Amino acid sequence: MKPSKYNFIWPADDPAKVIVFNSLTTALAEVEKTYLDLLDLPRFDYDTLPDPARRFADGLKQGGFILDDAADELKILKYAYNSN
């Protein structure tokens, strides 16, 4: 898996959390910093993550913050642009 190239991260009011915005999906989330390093890695192996990190990754995947390795975001963006 890999993080989206379209993620933006800002500090939240709670110092233990951050705000994550994905400009491709327009998803917005407030998340704890515990496993935030997954968004800084170029790629990671989902199967080797501990269960709490997997649950965190599953939630981020729903918003498009994390993608399968085969996902091509530029292709997705071009398709969305040309469909309108």
N, C-alpha and C. Protein backbone atom coordinates (compact mmCIF):
# COMPACT_ATOMS: atom_id res chain seq x y z
N MET A 1 0.84 -1.17 0.00
CA MET A 1 0.00 0.00 0.00
C MET A 1 0.89 1.24 0.00
N LYS A 2 0.26 2.37 -0.34
CA LYS A 2 1.02 3.62 -0.40
C LYS A 2 0.10 4.78 -0.04
N PRO A 3 0.68 5.87 0.46
CA PRO A 3 -0.14 7.05 0.74
C PRO A 3 -0.45 7.81 -0.55
N SER A 4 -1.54 8.52 -0.54
CA SER A 4 -1.91 9.35 -1.67
C SER A 4 -0.93 10.52 -1.82
N LYS A 5 -0.69 10.91 -3.06
CA LYS A 5 0.15 12.09 -3.33
C LYS A 5 -0.62 13.38 -3.04
N TYR A 6 -1.91 13.26 -2.83
CA TYR A 6 -2.77 14.43 -2.68
C TYR A 6 -3.18 14.68 -1.23
N ASN A 7 -2.44 14.12 -0.28
CA ASN A 7 -2.71 14.33 1.14
C ASN A 7 -2.05 15.62 1.63
N PHE A 8 -2.77 16.33 2.47
CA PHE A 8 -2.24 17.51 3.16
C PHE A 8 -2.54 17.33 4.63
N ILE A 9 -1.56 17.64 5.48
CA ILE A 9 -1.70 17.40 6.92
C ILE A 9 -1.45 18.71 7.68
N TRP A 10 -2.36 19.02 8.60
CA TRP A 10 -2.25 20.20 9.46
C TRP A 10 -2.41 19.79 10.91
N PRO A 11 -1.83 20.56 11.82
CA PRO A 11 -2.04 20.29 13.24
C PRO A 11 -3.51 20.55 13.61
N ALA A 12 -4.00 19.80 14.56
CA ALA A 12 -5.36 19.99 15.08
C ALA A 12 -5.28 20.75 16.40
N ASP A 13 -6.41 21.15 16.93
CA ASP A 13 -6.45 21.81 18.24
C ASP A 13 -5.92 20.89 19.33
N ASP A 14 -6.24 19.60 19.20
CA ASP A 14 -5.74 18.59 20.13
C ASP A 14 -4.32 18.22 19.69
N PRO A 15 -3.32 18.41 20.54
CA PRO A 15 -1.94 18.14 20.13
C PRO A 15 -1.66 16.67 19.80
N ALA A 16 -2.54 15.76 20.19
CA ALA A 16 -2.37 14.34 19.89
C ALA A 16 -2.96 13.97 18.54
N LYS A 17 -3.56 14.95 17.84
CA LYS A 17 -4.23 14.66 16.57
C LYS A 17 -3.78 15.62 15.48
N VAL A 18 -4.09 15.24 14.24
CA VAL A 18 -3.86 16.10 13.07
C VAL A 18 -5.09 16.06 12.18
N ILE A 19 -5.19 17.05 11.32
CA ILE A 19 -6.24 17.09 10.30
C ILE A 19 -5.60 16.64 8.98
N VAL A 20 -6.22 15.70 8.31
CA VAL A 20 -5.71 15.19 7.03
C VAL A 20 -6.77 15.48 5.97
N PHE A 21 -6.34 16.10 4.88
CA PHE A 21 -7.23 16.41 3.76
C PHE A 21 -6.65 15.78 2.50
N ASN A 22 -7.51 15.12 1.72
CA ASN A 22 -7.08 14.57 0.44
C ASN A 22 -7.75 15.39 -0.65
N SER A 23 -6.94 16.08 -1.44
CA SER A 23 -7.49 16.99 -2.44
C SER A 23 -8.04 16.27 -3.67
N LEU A 24 -7.74 15.00 -3.83
CA LEU A 24 -8.31 14.25 -4.95
C LEU A 24 -9.72 13.76 -4.62
N THR A 25 -9.89 13.22 -3.42
CA THR A 25 -11.20 12.70 -3.01
C THR A 25 -12.02 13.72 -2.23
N THR A 26 -11.39 14.81 -1.81
CA THR A 26 -11.94 15.85 -0.93
C THR A 26 -12.33 15.29 0.44
N ALA A 27 -11.72 14.19 0.83
CA ALA A 27 -11.97 13.62 2.16
C ALA A 27 -11.20 14.43 3.21
N LEU A 28 -11.81 14.56 4.36
CA LEU A 28 -11.24 15.30 5.47
C LEU A 28 -11.38 14.45 6.72
N ALA A 29 -10.30 14.32 7.51
CA ALA A 29 -10.37 13.50 8.73
C ALA A 29 -9.49 14.09 9.81
N GLU A 30 -9.94 13.92 11.03
CA GLU A 30 -9.11 14.25 12.18
C GLU A 30 -8.65 12.90 12.75
N VAL A 31 -7.36 12.67 12.79
CA VAL A 31 -6.84 11.38 13.22
C VAL A 31 -5.77 11.56 14.29
N GLU A 32 -5.61 10.51 15.08
CA GLU A 32 -4.55 10.52 16.08
C GLU A 32 -3.20 10.32 15.40
N LYS A 33 -2.17 10.85 16.01
CA LYS A 33 -0.83 10.79 15.43
C LYS A 33 -0.17 9.42 15.56
N THR A 34 -0.79 8.49 16.26
CA THR A 34 -0.17 7.21 16.60
C THR A 34 0.46 6.51 15.40
N TYR A 35 -0.27 6.35 14.33
CA TYR A 35 0.24 5.64 13.14
C TYR A 35 0.38 6.57 11.93
N LEU A 36 0.48 7.84 12.19
CA LEU A 36 0.56 8.83 11.12
C LEU A 36 1.77 8.63 10.22
N ASP A 37 2.80 7.98 10.74
CA ASP A 37 4.01 7.75 9.93
C ASP A 37 3.72 6.91 8.69
N LEU A 38 2.60 6.20 8.66
CA LEU A 38 2.22 5.45 7.45
C LEU A 38 2.05 6.38 6.25
N LEU A 39 1.66 7.63 6.51
CA LEU A 39 1.47 8.59 5.42
C LEU A 39 2.78 9.20 4.95
N ASP A 40 3.86 8.95 5.67
CA ASP A 40 5.18 9.45 5.27
C ASP A 40 6.02 8.41 4.54
N LEU A 41 5.58 7.17 4.57
CA LEU A 41 6.33 6.10 3.91
C LEU A 41 5.98 6.05 2.43
N PRO A 42 6.95 5.77 1.56
CA PRO A 42 6.61 5.65 0.13
C PRO A 42 5.71 4.43 -0.13
N ARG A 43 5.93 3.36 0.61
CA ARG A 43 5.11 2.14 0.52
C ARG A 43 5.22 1.40 1.84
N PHE A 44 4.20 0.59 2.15
CA PHE A 44 4.28 -0.26 3.33
C PHE A 44 3.50 -1.55 3.08
N ASP A 45 3.87 -2.58 3.81
CA ASP A 45 3.23 -3.89 3.67
C ASP A 45 2.10 -3.99 4.69
N TYR A 46 0.89 -3.93 4.22
CA TYR A 46 -0.30 -3.98 5.08
C TYR A 46 -0.32 -5.24 5.92
N ASP A 47 0.08 -6.36 5.34
CA ASP A 47 0.00 -7.65 6.04
C ASP A 47 0.93 -7.75 7.24
N THR A 48 1.96 -6.93 7.29
CA THR A 48 2.89 -6.99 8.42
C THR A 48 2.55 -5.99 9.53
N LEU A 49 1.53 -5.17 9.32
CA LEU A 49 1.14 -4.18 10.33
C LEU A 49 0.45 -4.86 11.51
N PRO A 50 0.64 -4.34 12.71
CA PRO A 50 -0.14 -4.83 13.85
C PRO A 50 -1.62 -4.47 13.66
N ASP A 51 -2.49 -5.19 14.33
CA ASP A 51 -3.94 -4.99 14.15
C ASP A 51 -4.39 -3.54 14.32
N PRO A 52 -3.94 -2.81 15.35
CA PRO A 52 -4.40 -1.41 15.46
C PRO A 52 -3.96 -0.56 14.26
N ALA A 53 -2.78 -0.80 13.74
CA ALA A 53 -2.31 -0.05 12.57
C ALA A 53 -3.11 -0.44 11.33
N ARG A 54 -3.51 -1.69 11.23
CA ARG A 54 -4.36 -2.12 10.10
C ARG A 54 -5.70 -1.41 10.14
N ARG A 55 -6.30 -1.33 11.33
CA ARG A 55 -7.58 -0.64 11.45
C ARG A 55 -7.44 0.83 11.07
N PHE A 56 -6.34 1.45 11.48
CA PHE A 56 -6.06 2.84 11.11
C PHE A 56 -5.94 2.95 9.58
N ALA A 57 -5.18 2.05 8.97
CA ALA A 57 -5.00 2.06 7.52
C ALA A 57 -6.32 1.81 6.79
N ASP A 58 -7.15 0.93 7.33
CA ASP A 58 -8.46 0.66 6.70
C ASP A 58 -9.31 1.92 6.66
N GLY A 59 -9.31 2.67 7.77
CA GLY A 59 -10.08 3.91 7.81
C GLY A 59 -9.54 4.93 6.82
N LEU A 60 -8.22 5.04 6.74
CA LEU A 60 -7.62 5.98 5.80
C LEU A 60 -7.86 5.57 4.35
N LYS A 61 -7.92 4.28 4.11
CA LYS A 61 -8.16 3.81 2.74
C LYS A 61 -9.56 4.20 2.27
N GLN A 62 -10.53 4.19 3.17
CA GLN A 62 -11.89 4.57 2.80
C GLN A 62 -11.96 6.01 2.28
N GLY A 63 -11.11 6.88 2.81
CA GLY A 63 -11.11 8.28 2.37
C GLY A 63 -10.15 8.55 1.23
N GLY A 64 -9.45 7.52 0.77
CA GLY A 64 -8.50 7.71 -0.32
C GLY A 64 -7.15 8.26 0.14
N PHE A 65 -6.92 8.26 1.45
CA PHE A 65 -5.65 8.74 1.99
C PHE A 65 -4.54 7.71 1.77
N ILE A 66 -4.93 6.44 1.70
CA ILE A 66 -4.02 5.32 1.46
C ILE A 66 -4.61 4.50 0.31
N LEU A 67 -3.73 4.03 -0.58
CA LEU A 67 -4.17 3.31 -1.78
C LEU A 67 -3.43 1.99 -1.94
N ASP A 68 -4.01 1.12 -2.74
CA ASP A 68 -3.30 -0.09 -3.13
C ASP A 68 -2.13 0.30 -4.01
N ASP A 69 -1.09 -0.51 -4.02
CA ASP A 69 0.11 -0.19 -4.80
C ASP A 69 -0.19 0.02 -6.28
N ALA A 70 -1.15 -0.70 -6.82
CA ALA A 70 -1.43 -0.61 -8.25
C ALA A 70 -2.21 0.64 -8.65
N ALA A 71 -2.75 1.37 -7.68
CA ALA A 71 -3.55 2.56 -7.99
C ALA A 71 -2.69 3.64 -8.64
N ASP A 72 -3.22 4.22 -9.70
CA ASP A 72 -2.54 5.30 -10.43
C ASP A 72 -3.38 6.57 -10.28
N GLU A 73 -3.00 7.40 -9.34
CA GLU A 73 -3.80 8.60 -9.04
C GLU A 73 -3.84 9.59 -10.20
N LEU A 74 -2.77 9.69 -10.95
CA LEU A 74 -2.77 10.60 -12.09
C LEU A 74 -3.79 10.13 -13.13
N LYS A 75 -3.86 8.86 -13.34
CA LYS A 75 -4.84 8.29 -14.27
C LYS A 75 -6.27 8.56 -13.78
N ILE A 76 -6.47 8.41 -12.48
CA ILE A 76 -7.79 8.68 -11.88
C ILE A 76 -8.15 10.15 -12.06
N LEU A 77 -7.20 11.04 -11.82
CA LEU A 77 -7.44 12.47 -11.97
C LEU A 77 -7.74 12.84 -13.42
N LYS A 78 -6.98 12.29 -14.36
CA LYS A 78 -7.23 12.57 -15.78
C LYS A 78 -8.60 12.06 -16.21
N TYR A 79 -8.99 10.88 -15.71
CA TYR A 79 -10.29 10.34 -16.06
C TYR A 79 -11.41 11.25 -15.53
N ALA A 80 -11.27 11.70 -14.28
CA ALA A 80 -12.29 12.57 -13.68
C ALA A 80 -12.36 13.90 -14.45
N TYR A 81 -11.22 14.43 -14.85
CA TYR A 81 -11.17 15.69 -15.58
C TYR A 81 -11.82 15.55 -16.95
N ASN A 82 -11.51 14.48 -17.63
CA ASN A 82 -12.04 14.28 -18.99
C ASN A 82 -13.49 13.81 -19.01
N SER A 83 -14.01 13.37 -17.89
CA SER A 83 -15.40 12.89 -17.82
C SER A 83 -16.39 14.05 -17.68
N ASN A 84 -15.91 15.21 -17.33
CA ASN A 84 -16.81 16.35 -17.11
C ASN A 84 -16.88 17.26 -18.29
